[in-house]
Amino acid sequence: MAEQLDAEEQEILDAFEQGDLRSRSGATEEITAARQAARNTFNKTRRVNLRVTERDFELAHFKAREEGIPYQTLLSSVIHKYLSGRLTEQS
């Protein structure tokens, strides 16, 4: 099945097929960094024992069930988002 491309997508495809596209300066370093970040995303290198209140434990299980993921994955995601600055407090 052929995909329908909009005008901009078709222009990019045509330029690619004609060999008119060039990498910009520094692209190699960015690609290398992105590949390393992707590898690191799924590395599980440390085990952590964490004590939480019974209430927080039950809430984590509840939220994880809502999301359809294991509670450990949910907790790991929350920690990662907090440490990377993507988890913010609601006002």
C-alpha atoms as a PDB file:
ATOM      1  CA  MET A   1       0.000   0.000   0.000  1.00  0.00           C
ATOM      2  CA  ALA A   2       1.478   3.319  -1.079  1.00  0.00           C
ATOM      3  CA  GLU A   3       1.528   6.027   1.560  1.00  0.00           C
ATOM      4  CA  GLN A   4       0.228   9.476   0.721  1.00  0.00           C
ATOM      5  CA  LEU A   5       2.868  12.164   1.275  1.00  0.00           C
ATOM      6  CA  ASP A   6       2.117  15.832   1.774  1.00  0.00           C
ATOM      7  CA  ALA A   7       4.022  18.413  -0.298  1.00  0.00           C
ATOM      8  CA  GLU A   8       6.792  18.889   2.277  1.00  0.00           C
ATOM      9  CA  GLU A   9       7.316  15.140   2.727  1.00  0.00           C
ATOM     10  CA  GLN A  10       7.435  14.647  -1.051  1.00  0.00           C
ATOM     11  CA  GLU A  11       9.998  17.448  -1.379  1.00  0.00           C
ATOM     12  CA  ILE A  12      12.202  15.779   1.257  1.00  0.00           C
ATOM     13  CA  LEU A  13      11.852  12.365  -0.404  1.00  0.00           C
ATOM     14  CA  ASP A  14      12.725  13.805  -3.822  1.00  0.00           C
ATOM     15  CA  ALA A  15      15.807  15.565  -2.411  1.00  0.00           C
ATOM     16  CA  PHE A  16      16.888  12.324  -0.713  1.00  0.00           C
ATOM     17  CA  GLU A  17      16.446  10.256  -3.858  1.00  0.00           C
ATOM     18  CA  GLN A  18      18.438  12.815  -5.878  1.00  0.00           C
ATOM     19  CA  GLY A  19      21.252  12.798  -3.316  1.00  0.00           C
ATOM     20  CA  ASP A  20      20.766  16.478  -2.479  1.00  0.00           C
ATOM     21  CA  LEU A  21      20.610  16.042   1.310  1.00  0.00           C
ATOM     22  CA  ARG A  22      23.740  16.589   3.365  1.00  0.00           C
ATOM     23  CA  SER A  23      24.450  15.989   7.054  1.00  0.00           C
ATOM     24  CA  ARG A  24      24.954  19.157   9.007  1.00  0.00           C
ATOM     25  CA  SER A  25      28.072  19.870  11.021  1.00  0.00           C
ATOM     26  CA  GLY A  26      28.168  17.963  14.315  1.00  0.00           C
ATOM     27  CA  ALA A  27      25.532  15.417  13.277  1.00  0.00           C
ATOM     28  CA  THR A  28      27.877  12.475  13.839  1.00  0.00           C
ATOM     29  CA  GLU A  29      28.446  13.425  17.479  1.00  0.00           C
ATOM     30  CA  GLU A  30      24.705  13.879  18.055  1.00  0.00           C
ATOM     31  CA  ILE A  31      23.947  10.500  16.490  1.00  0.00           C
ATOM     32  CA  THR A  32      26.575   8.829  18.669  1.00  0.00           C
ATOM     33  CA  ALA A  33      25.169  10.494  21.805  1.00  0.00           C
ATOM     34  CA  ALA A  34      21.609   9.521  20.859  1.00  0.00           C
ATOM     35  CA  ARG A  35      22.612   5.906  20.305  1.00  0.00           C
ATOM     36  CA  GLN A  36      24.348   5.772  23.690  1.00  0.00           C
ATOM     37  CA  ALA A  37      21.323   7.336  25.381  1.00  0.00           C
ATOM     38  CA  ALA A  38      19.070   4.732  23.747  1.00  0.00           C
ATOM     39  CA  ARG A  39      21.325   1.918  24.984  1.00  0.00           C
ATOM     40  CA  ASN A  40      21.402   3.381  28.487  1.00  0.00           C
ATOM     41  CA  THR A  41      17.623   3.710  28.597  1.00  0.00           C
ATOM     42  CA  PHE A  42      17.131  -0.020  28.913  1.00  0.00           C
ATOM     43  CA  ASN A  43      20.195  -0.876  30.983  1.00  0.00           C
ATOM     44  CA  LYS A  44      19.205  -2.264  34.336  1.00  0.00           C
ATOM     45  CA  THR A  45      22.429  -2.265  36.246  1.00  0.00           C
ATOM     46  CA  ARG A  46      21.459  -1.641  39.868  1.00  0.00           C
ATOM     47  CA  ARG A  47      18.988  -3.159  42.273  1.00  0.00           C
ATOM     48  CA  VAL A  48      17.462  -0.872  44.890  1.00  0.00           C
ATOM     49  CA  ASN A  49      15.635  -1.822  48.053  1.00  0.00           C
ATOM     50  CA  LEU A  50      13.244   0.919  49.027  1.00  0.00           C
ATOM     51  CA  ARG A  51      10.999   1.209  52.046  1.00  0.00           C
ATOM     52  CA  VAL A  52       7.732   3.044  51.509  1.00  0.00           C
ATOM     53  CA  THR A  53       4.603   3.415  53.579  1.00  0.00           C
ATOM     54  CA  GLU A  54       1.863   0.850  53.146  1.00  0.00           C
ATOM     55  CA  ARG A  55      -0.358   3.576  51.674  1.00  0.00           C
ATOM     56  CA  ASP A  56       2.243   4.585  49.043  1.00  0.00           C
ATOM     57  CA  PHE A  57       2.811   0.925  48.204  1.00  0.00           C
ATOM     58  CA  GLU A  58      -0.919   0.376  47.634  1.00  0.00           C
ATOM     59  CA  LEU A  59      -1.199   3.596  45.591  1.00  0.00           C
ATOM     60  CA  ALA A  60       1.730   2.504  43.418  1.00  0.00           C
ATOM     61  CA  HIS A  61       0.038  -0.833  42.771  1.00  0.00           C
ATOM     62  CA  PHE A  62      -3.263   0.901  41.978  1.00  0.00           C
ATOM     63  CA  LYS A  63      -1.689   3.384  39.562  1.00  0.00           C
ATOM     64  CA  ALA A  64       0.363   0.651  37.905  1.00  0.00           C
ATOM     65  CA  ARG A  65      -2.766  -1.448  37.346  1.00  0.00           C
ATOM     66  CA  GLU A  66      -4.461   1.611  35.808  1.00  0.00           C
ATOM     67  CA  GLU A  67      -1.519   2.015  33.432  1.00  0.00           C
ATOM     68  CA  GLY A  68      -1.263  -1.712  32.741  1.00  0.00           C
ATOM     69  CA  ILE A  69       2.369  -1.926  33.829  1.00  0.00           C
ATOM     70  CA  PRO A  70       4.221  -3.589  36.726  1.00  0.00           C
ATOM     71  CA  TYR A  71       4.494  -1.387  39.816  1.00  0.00           C
ATOM     72  CA  GLN A  72       8.300  -1.625  39.728  1.00  0.00           C
ATOM     73  CA  THR A  73       8.264  -0.132  36.224  1.00  0.00           C
ATOM     74  CA  LEU A  74       6.009   2.682  37.406  1.00  0.00           C
ATOM     75  CA  LEU A  75       8.244   3.493  40.375  1.00  0.00           C
ATOM     76  CA  SER A  76      11.365   3.350  38.210  1.00  0.00           C
ATOM     77  CA  SER A  77       9.740   5.714  35.707  1.00  0.00           C
ATOM     78  CA  VAL A  78       8.766   8.197  38.425  1.00  0.00           C
ATOM     79  CA  ILE A  79      12.304   8.193  39.824  1.00  0.00           C
ATOM     80  CA  HIS A  80      13.822   8.622  36.357  1.00  0.00           C
ATOM     81  CA  LYS A  81      11.481  11.482  35.438  1.00  0.00           C
ATOM     82  CA  TYR A  82      12.160  13.245  38.737  1.00  0.00           C
ATOM     83  CA  LEU A  83      15.926  12.929  38.413  1.00  0.00           C
ATOM     84  CA  SER A  84      15.904  14.096  34.791  1.00  0.00           C
ATOM     85  CA  GLY A  85      13.754  17.126  35.667  1.00  0.00           C
ATOM     86  CA  ARG A  86      10.689  16.022  33.719  1.00  0.00           C
ATOM     87  CA  LEU A  87       8.524  15.398  36.783  1.00  0.00           C
ATOM     88  CA  THR A  88       7.150  18.612  38.171  1.00  0.00           C
ATOM     89  CA  GLU A  89       4.887  19.515  41.057  1.00  0.00           C
ATOM     90  CA  GLN A  90       1.293  20.446  40.290  1.00  0.00           C
ATOM     91  CA  SER A  91       0.030  23.719  41.685  1.00  0.00           C
END
